[in-house]
Amino acid sequence: MAVKQELMTAEQLWEMPEVPGKQFELVRGELVAVPSPGAMHNLIAGLLYRLPLKARAEREGRDQEQAVQSGLG
């Protein structure tokens, strides 16, 4: 016999206590654990963050480090 799982609402998800190191989301009312981002995700996010800084620094004739320090982000 199959066990019927009760669906969760967004309000119930918001009321849940946080679990350190874990993230959850709702998929059609079912609670799903979301894996933490890995090294590749962090590498790509860092590169994407720096692209606009680098382009602006080059356009203004500065190096990227000067652009970061002066708050051109």
PDB file of N, CA and C in Angstrom:
ATOM      1  N   MET A   1       0.840  -1.181   0.000  1.00  0.00           N
ATOM      2  CA  MET A   1       0.000   0.000   0.000  1.00  0.00           C
ATOM      3  C   MET A   1       0.889   1.249   0.000  1.00  0.00           C
ATOM      4  N   ALA A   2       0.597   2.179  -0.882  1.00  0.00           N
ATOM      5  CA  ALA A   2       1.378   3.416  -0.989  1.00  0.00           C
ATOM      6  C   ALA A   2       0.986   4.380   0.123  1.00  0.00           C
ATOM      7  N   VAL A   3       1.979   5.066   0.635  1.00  0.00           N
ATOM      8  CA  VAL A   3       1.736   6.059   1.679  1.00  0.00           C
ATOM      9  C   VAL A   3       1.553   7.405   1.011  1.00  0.00           C
ATOM     10  N   LYS A   4       0.451   8.060   1.281  1.00  0.00           N
ATOM     11  CA  LYS A   4       0.173   9.357   0.686  1.00  0.00           C
ATOM     12  C   LYS A   4       0.857  10.444   1.522  1.00  0.00           C
ATOM     13  N   GLN A   5       1.712  11.226   0.869  1.00  0.00           N
ATOM     14  CA  GLN A   5       2.438  12.284   1.550  1.00  0.00           C
ATOM     15  C   GLN A   5       1.631  13.570   1.473  1.00  0.00           C
ATOM     16  N   GLU A   6       1.524  14.261   2.600  1.00  0.00           N
ATOM     17  CA  GLU A   6       0.789  15.517   2.646  1.00  0.00           C
ATOM     18  C   GLU A   6       1.629  16.615   1.992  1.00  0.00           C
ATOM     19  N   LEU A   7       0.988  17.400   1.143  1.00  0.00           N
ATOM     20  CA  LEU A   7       1.687  18.473   0.462  1.00  0.00           C
ATOM     21  C   LEU A   7       1.903  19.655   1.399  1.00  0.00           C
ATOM     22  N   MET A   8       2.969  20.396   1.157  1.00  0.00           N
ATOM     23  CA  MET A   8       3.345  21.523   1.997  1.00  0.00           C
ATOM     24  C   MET A   8       3.040  22.829   1.275  1.00  0.00           C
ATOM     25  N   THR A   9       2.689  23.843   2.027  1.00  0.00           N
ATOM     26  CA  THR A   9       2.449  25.168   1.454  1.00  0.00           C
ATOM     27  C   THR A   9       3.694  26.031   1.630  1.00  0.00           C
ATOM     28  N   ALA A  10       3.746  27.138   0.904  1.00  0.00           N
ATOM     29  CA  ALA A  10       4.868  28.074   1.034  1.00  0.00           C
ATOM     30  C   ALA A  10       4.934  28.625   2.456  1.00  0.00           C
ATOM     31  N   GLU A  11       3.789  28.878   3.059  1.00  0.00           N
ATOM     32  CA  GLU A  11       3.760  29.388   4.434  1.00  0.00           C
ATOM     33  C   GLU A  11       4.399  28.383   5.396  1.00  0.00           C
ATOM     34  N   GLN A  12       4.103  27.104   5.202  1.00  0.00           N
ATOM     35  CA  GLN A  12       4.695  26.073   6.055  1.00  0.00           C
ATOM     36  C   GLN A  12       6.208  26.003   5.866  1.00  0.00           C
ATOM     37  N   LEU A  13       6.665  26.185   4.635  1.00  0.00           N
ATOM     38  CA  LEU A  13       8.102  26.189   4.380  1.00  0.00           C
ATOM     39  C   LEU A  13       8.767  27.361   5.094  1.00  0.00           C
ATOM     40  N   TRP A  14       8.164  28.547   5.030  1.00  0.00           N
ATOM     41  CA  TRP A  14       8.725  29.722   5.703  1.00  0.00           C
ATOM     42  C   TRP A  14       8.781  29.538   7.214  1.00  0.00           C
ATOM     43  N   GLU A  15       7.839  28.802   7.773  1.00  0.00           N
ATOM     44  CA  GLU A  15       7.777  28.604   9.221  1.00  0.00           C
ATOM     45  C   GLU A  15       8.748  27.528   9.714  1.00  0.00           C
ATOM     46  N   MET A  16       9.298  26.742   8.801  1.00  0.00           N
ATOM     47  CA  MET A  16      10.233  25.683   9.212  1.00  0.00           C
ATOM     48  C   MET A  16      11.507  26.303   9.781  1.00  0.00           C
ATOM     49  N   PRO A  17      12.072  25.690  10.812  1.00  0.00           N
ATOM     50  CA  PRO A  17      13.360  26.186  11.318  1.00  0.00           C
ATOM     51  C   PRO A  17      14.455  25.904  10.285  1.00  0.00           C
ATOM     52  N   GLU A  18      15.447  26.785  10.267  1.00  0.00           N
ATOM     53  CA  GLU A  18      16.563  26.588   9.334  1.00  0.00           C
ATOM     54  C   GLU A  18      17.415  25.410   9.781  1.00  0.00           C
ATOM     55  N   VAL A  19      17.933  24.685   8.815  1.00  0.00           N
ATOM     56  CA  VAL A  19      18.835  23.568   9.074  1.00  0.00           C
ATOM     57  C   VAL A  19      20.208  23.999   8.567  1.00  0.00           C
ATOM     58  N   PRO A  20      21.200  24.137   9.449  1.00  0.00           N
ATOM     59  CA  PRO A  20      22.521  24.589   9.021  1.00  0.00           C
ATOM     60  C   PRO A  20      23.101  23.713   7.902  1.00  0.00           C
ATOM     61  N   GLY A  21      23.565  24.368   6.841  1.00  0.00           N
ATOM     62  CA  GLY A  21      24.187  23.653   5.740  1.00  0.00           C
ATOM     63  C   GLY A  21      23.226  23.036   4.746  1.00  0.00           C
ATOM     64  N   LYS A  22      21.933  23.234   4.938  1.00  0.00           N
ATOM     65  CA  LYS A  22      20.952  22.654   4.015  1.00  0.00           C
ATOM     66  C   LYS A  22      19.977  23.722   3.549  1.00  0.00           C
ATOM     67  N   GLN A  23      19.552  23.586   2.300  1.00  0.00           N
ATOM     68  CA  GLN A  23      18.532  24.461   1.743  1.00  0.00           C
ATOM     69  C   GLN A  23      17.422  23.590   1.171  1.00  0.00           C
ATOM     70  N   PHE A  24      16.212  24.109   1.236  1.00  0.00           N
ATOM     71  CA  PHE A  24      15.062  23.364   0.741  1.00  0.00           C
ATOM     72  C   PHE A  24      14.248  24.240  -0.191  1.00  0.00           C
ATOM     73  N   GLU A  25      13.502  23.596  -1.083  1.00  0.00           N
ATOM     74  CA  GLU A  25      12.547  24.304  -1.922  1.00  0.00           C
ATOM     75  C   GLU A  25      11.318  23.421  -2.086  1.00  0.00           C
ATOM     76  N   LEU A  26      10.252  24.047  -2.527  1.00  0.00           N
ATOM     77  CA  LEU A  26       9.017  23.310  -2.776  1.00  0.00           C
ATOM     78  C   LEU A  26       8.894  23.016  -4.261  1.00  0.00           C
ATOM     79  N   VAL A  27       8.594  21.767  -4.577  1.00  0.00           N
ATOM     80  CA  VAL A  27       8.328  21.370  -5.949  1.00  0.00           C
ATOM     81  C   VAL A  27       6.969  20.701  -5.956  1.00  0.00           C
ATOM     82  N   ARG A  28       5.988  21.422  -6.482  1.00  0.00           N
ATOM     83  CA  ARG A  28       4.602  20.931  -6.507  1.00  0.00           C
ATOM     84  C   ARG A  28       4.126  20.488  -5.131  1.00  0.00           C
ATOM     85  N   GLY A  29       4.512  21.258  -4.117  1.00  0.00           N
ATOM     86  CA  GLY A  29       4.072  20.982  -2.761  1.00  0.00           C
ATOM     87  C   GLY A  29       4.925  20.000  -1.992  1.00  0.00           C
ATOM     88  N   GLU A  30       5.935  19.422  -2.636  1.00  0.00           N
ATOM     89  CA  GLU A  30       6.812  18.465  -1.950  1.00  0.00           C
ATOM     90  C   GLU A  30       8.118  19.158  -1.578  1.00  0.00           C
ATOM     91  N   LEU A  31       8.573  18.915  -0.359  1.00  0.00           N
ATOM     92  CA  LEU A  31       9.814  19.481   0.142  1.00  0.00           C
ATOM     93  C   LEU A  31      10.997  18.729  -0.465  1.00  0.00           C
ATOM     94  N   VAL A  32      11.916  19.492  -1.101  1.00  0.00           N
ATOM     95  CA  VAL A  32      13.066  18.890  -1.768  1.00  0.00           C
ATOM     96  C   VAL A  32      14.328  19.559  -1.240  1.00  0.00           C
ATOM     97  N   ALA A  33      15.325  18.756  -0.855  1.00  0.00           N
ATOM     98  CA  ALA A  33      16.612  19.303  -0.420  1.00  0.00           C
ATOM     99  C   ALA A  33      17.400  19.729  -1.653  1.00  0.00           C
ATOM    100  N   VAL A  34      17.985  20.931  -1.595  1.00  0.00           N
ATOM    101  CA  VAL A  34      18.760  21.472  -2.708  1.00  0.00           C
ATOM    102  C   VAL A  34      20.236  21.364  -2.349  1.00  0.00           C
ATOM    103  N   PRO A  35      21.038  20.772  -3.230  1.00  0.00           N
ATOM    104  CA  PRO A  35      22.466  20.650  -2.910  1.00  0.00           C
ATOM    105  C   PRO A  35      23.147  22.018  -2.871  1.00  0.00           C
ATOM    106  N   SER A  36      24.168  22.127  -2.058  1.00  0.00           N
ATOM    107  CA  SER A  36      24.941  23.368  -1.972  1.00  0.00           C
ATOM    108  C   SER A  36      25.751  23.544  -3.243  1.00  0.00           C
ATOM    109  N   PRO A  37      26.006  24.808  -3.619  1.00  0.00           N
ATOM    110  CA  PRO A  37      26.820  25.029  -4.808  1.00  0.00           C
ATOM    111  C   PRO A  37      28.236  24.502  -4.585  1.00  0.00           C
ATOM    112  N   GLY A  38      28.807  23.951  -5.636  1.00  0.00           N
ATOM    113  CA  GLY A  38      30.151  23.386  -5.539  1.00  0.00           C
ATOM    114  C   GLY A  38      31.210  24.348  -6.048  1.00  0.00           C
ATOM    115  N   ALA A  39      32.422  23.842  -6.163  1.00  0.00           N
ATOM    116  CA  ALA A  39      33.561  24.650  -6.576  1.00  0.00           C
ATOM    117  C   ALA A  39      33.363  25.222  -7.981  1.00  0.00           C
ATOM    118  N   MET A  40      32.828  24.434  -8.905  1.00  0.00           N
ATOM    119  CA  MET A  40      32.635  24.917 -10.274  1.00  0.00           C
ATOM    120  C   MET A  40      31.644  26.078 -10.307  1.00  0.00           C
ATOM    121  N   HIS A  41      30.570  25.968  -9.539  1.00  0.00           N
ATOM    122  CA  HIS A  41      29.585  27.055  -9.446  1.00  0.00           C
ATOM    123  C   HIS A  41      30.263  28.331  -8.948  1.00  0.00           C
ATOM    124  N   ASN A  42      31.060  28.207  -7.897  1.00  0.00           N
ATOM    125  CA  ASN A  42      31.730  29.372  -7.325  1.00  0.00           C
ATOM    126  C   ASN A  42      32.723  29.982  -8.304  1.00  0.00           C
ATOM    127  N   LEU A  43      33.424  29.163  -9.059  1.00  0.00           N
ATOM    128  CA  LEU A  43      34.367  29.654 -10.054  1.00  0.00           C
ATOM    129  C   LEU A  43      33.641  30.455 -11.137  1.00  0.00           C
ATOM    130  N   ILE A  44      32.562  29.894 -11.651  1.00  0.00           N
ATOM    131  CA  ILE A  44      31.804  30.571 -12.707  1.00  0.00           C
ATOM    132  C   ILE A  44      31.176  31.853 -12.183  1.00  0.00           C
ATOM    133  N   ALA A  45      30.626  31.828 -10.978  1.00  0.00           N
ATOM    134  CA  ALA A  45      30.021  33.038 -10.396  1.00  0.00           C
ATOM    135  C   ALA A  45      31.076  34.131 -10.235  1.00  0.00           C
ATOM    136  N   GLY A  46      32.274  33.768  -9.796  1.00  0.00           N
ATOM    137  CA  GLY A  46      33.346  34.744  -9.644  1.00  0.00           C
ATOM    138  C   GLY A  46      33.748  35.355 -10.970  1.00  0.00           C
ATOM    139  N   LEU A  47      33.846  34.520 -11.999  1.00  0.00           N
ATOM    140  CA  LEU A  47      34.195  35.023 -13.326  1.00  0.00           C
ATOM    141  C   LEU A  47      33.118  35.969 -13.859  1.00  0.00           C
ATOM    142  N   LEU A  48      31.863  35.594 -13.693  1.00  0.00           N
ATOM    143  CA  LEU A  48      30.766  36.442 -14.165  1.00  0.00           C
ATOM    144  C   LEU A  48      30.712  37.768 -13.407  1.00  0.00           C
ATOM    145  N   TYR A  49      31.078  37.749 -12.143  1.00  0.00           N
ATOM    146  CA  TYR A  49      31.096  38.974 -11.350  1.00  0.00           C
ATOM    147  C   TYR A  49      32.170  39.922 -11.866  1.00  0.00           C
ATOM    148  N   ARG A  50      33.323  39.365 -12.241  1.00  0.00           N
ATOM    149  CA  ARG A  50      34.458  40.196 -12.654  1.00  0.00           C
ATOM    150  C   ARG A  50      34.356  40.706 -14.095  1.00  0.00           C
ATOM    151  N   LEU A  51      33.580  40.063 -14.955  1.00  0.00           N
ATOM    152  CA  LEU A  51      33.505  40.490 -16.356  1.00  0.00           C
ATOM    153  C   LEU A  51      33.126  41.962 -16.528  1.00  0.00           C
ATOM    154  N   PRO A  52      32.052  42.443 -15.908  1.00  0.00           N
ATOM    155  CA  PRO A  52      31.704  43.858 -16.071  1.00  0.00           C
ATOM    156  C   PRO A  52      32.767  44.788 -15.489  1.00  0.00           C
ATOM    157  N   LEU A  53      33.396  44.377 -14.385  1.00  0.00           N
ATOM    158  CA  LEU A  53      34.456  45.192 -13.790  1.00  0.00           C
ATOM    159  C   LEU A  53      35.633  45.322 -14.750  1.00  0.00           C
ATOM    160  N   LYS A  54      35.997  44.202 -15.350  1.00  0.00           N
ATOM    161  CA  LYS A  54      37.128  44.210 -16.275  1.00  0.00           C
ATOM    162  C   LYS A  54      36.816  45.067 -17.496  1.00  0.00           C
ATOM    163  N   ALA A  55      35.634  44.931 -18.057  1.00  0.00           N
ATOM    164  CA  ALA A  55      35.255  45.709 -19.244  1.00  0.00           C
ATOM    165  C   ALA A  55      35.259  47.204 -18.931  1.00  0.00           C
ATOM    166  N   ARG A  56      34.730  47.572 -17.789  1.00  0.00           N
ATOM    167  CA  ARG A  56      34.683  48.987 -17.433  1.00  0.00           C
ATOM    168  C   ARG A  56      36.078  49.533 -17.163  1.00  0.00           C
ATOM    169  N   ALA A  57      36.913  48.735 -16.499  1.00  0.00           N
ATOM    170  CA  ALA A  57      38.282  49.163 -16.227  1.00  0.00           C
ATOM    171  C   ALA A  57      39.043  49.382 -17.530  1.00  0.00           C
ATOM    172  N   GLU A  58      38.884  48.474 -18.476  1.00  0.00           N
ATOM    173  CA  GLU A  58      39.563  48.618 -19.767  1.00  0.00           C
ATOM    174  C   GLU A  58      39.054  49.849 -20.519  1.00  0.00           C
ATOM    175  N   ARG A  59      37.752  50.083 -20.453  1.00  0.00           N
ATOM    176  CA  ARG A  59      37.151  51.232 -21.132  1.00  0.00           C
ATOM    177  C   ARG A  59      37.669  52.545 -20.550  1.00  0.00           C
ATOM    178  N   GLU A  60      37.937  52.547 -19.234  1.00  0.00           N
ATOM    179  CA  GLU A  60      38.388  53.768 -18.570  1.00  0.00           C
ATOM    180  C   GLU A  60      39.907  53.834 -18.427  1.00  0.00           C
ATOM    181  N   GLY A  61      40.616  52.871 -19.000  1.00  0.00           N
ATOM    182  CA  GLY A  61      42.070  52.887 -18.979  1.00  0.00           C
ATOM    183  C   GLY A  61      42.683  52.581 -17.625  1.00  0.00           C
ATOM    184  N   ARG A  62      41.988  51.830 -16.789  1.00  0.00           N
ATOM    185  CA  ARG A  62      42.519  51.428 -15.481  1.00  0.00           C
ATOM    186  C   ARG A  62      42.759  49.932 -15.492  1.00  0.00           C
ATOM    187  N   ASP A  63      43.484  49.476 -14.480  1.00  0.00           N
ATOM    188  CA  ASP A  63      43.545  48.028 -14.346  1.00  0.00           C
ATOM    189  C   ASP A  63      42.379  47.583 -13.472  1.00  0.00           C
ATOM    190  N   GLN A  64      42.107  46.304 -13.481  1.00  0.00           N
ATOM    191  CA  GLN A  64      40.921  45.782 -12.795  1.00  0.00           C
ATOM    192  C   GLN A  64      40.979  46.025 -11.293  1.00  0.00           C
ATOM    193  N   GLU A  65      42.146  45.921 -10.698  1.00  0.00           N
ATOM    194  CA  GLU A  65      42.270  46.109  -9.252  1.00  0.00           C
ATOM    195  C   GLU A  65      41.917  47.540  -8.859  1.00  0.00           C
ATOM    196  N   GLN A  66      42.325  48.520  -9.652  1.00  0.00           N
ATOM    197  CA  GLN A  66      41.953  49.903  -9.379  1.00  0.00           C
ATOM    198  C   GLN A  66      40.448  50.086  -9.471  1.00  0.00           C
ATOM    199  N   ALA A  67      39.842  49.445 -10.437  1.00  0.00           N
ATOM    200  CA  ALA A  67      38.389  49.554 -10.601  1.00  0.00           C
ATOM    201  C   ALA A  67      37.665  48.981  -9.404  1.00  0.00           C
ATOM    202  N   VAL A  68      38.132  47.844  -8.886  1.00  0.00           N
ATOM    203  CA  VAL A  68      37.505  47.230  -7.719  1.00  0.00           C
ATOM    204  C   VAL A  68      37.661  48.127  -6.498  1.00  0.00           C
ATOM    205  N   GLN A  69      38.865  48.686  -6.296  1.00  0.00           N
ATOM    206  CA  GLN A  69      39.135  49.517  -5.122  1.00  0.00           C
ATOM    207  C   GLN A  69      38.363  50.835  -5.160  1.00  0.00           C
ATOM    208  N   SER A  70      38.108  51.354  -6.352  1.00  0.00           N
ATOM    209  CA  SER A  70      37.396  52.624  -6.433  1.00  0.00           C
ATOM    210  C   SER A  70      35.877  52.456  -6.464  1.00  0.00           C
ATOM    211  N   GLY A  71      35.414  51.209  -6.418  1.00  0.00           N
ATOM    212  CA  GLY A  71      33.980  50.958  -6.350  1.00  0.00           C
ATOM    213  C   GLY A  71      33.265  51.090  -7.667  1.00  0.00           C
ATOM    214  N   LEU A  72      33.920  50.717  -8.748  1.00  0.00           N
ATOM    215  CA  LEU A  72      33.270  50.825 -10.046  1.00  0.00           C
ATOM    216  C   LEU A  72      32.382  49.640 -10.359  1.00  0.00           C
ATOM    217  N   GLY A  73      32.100  48.827  -9.381  1.00  0.00           N
ATOM    218  CA  GLY A  73      31.275  47.642  -9.631  1.00  0.00           C
ATOM    219  C   GLY A  73      29.876  48.010  -9.716  1.00  0.00           C
TER     220      GLY A  73
END
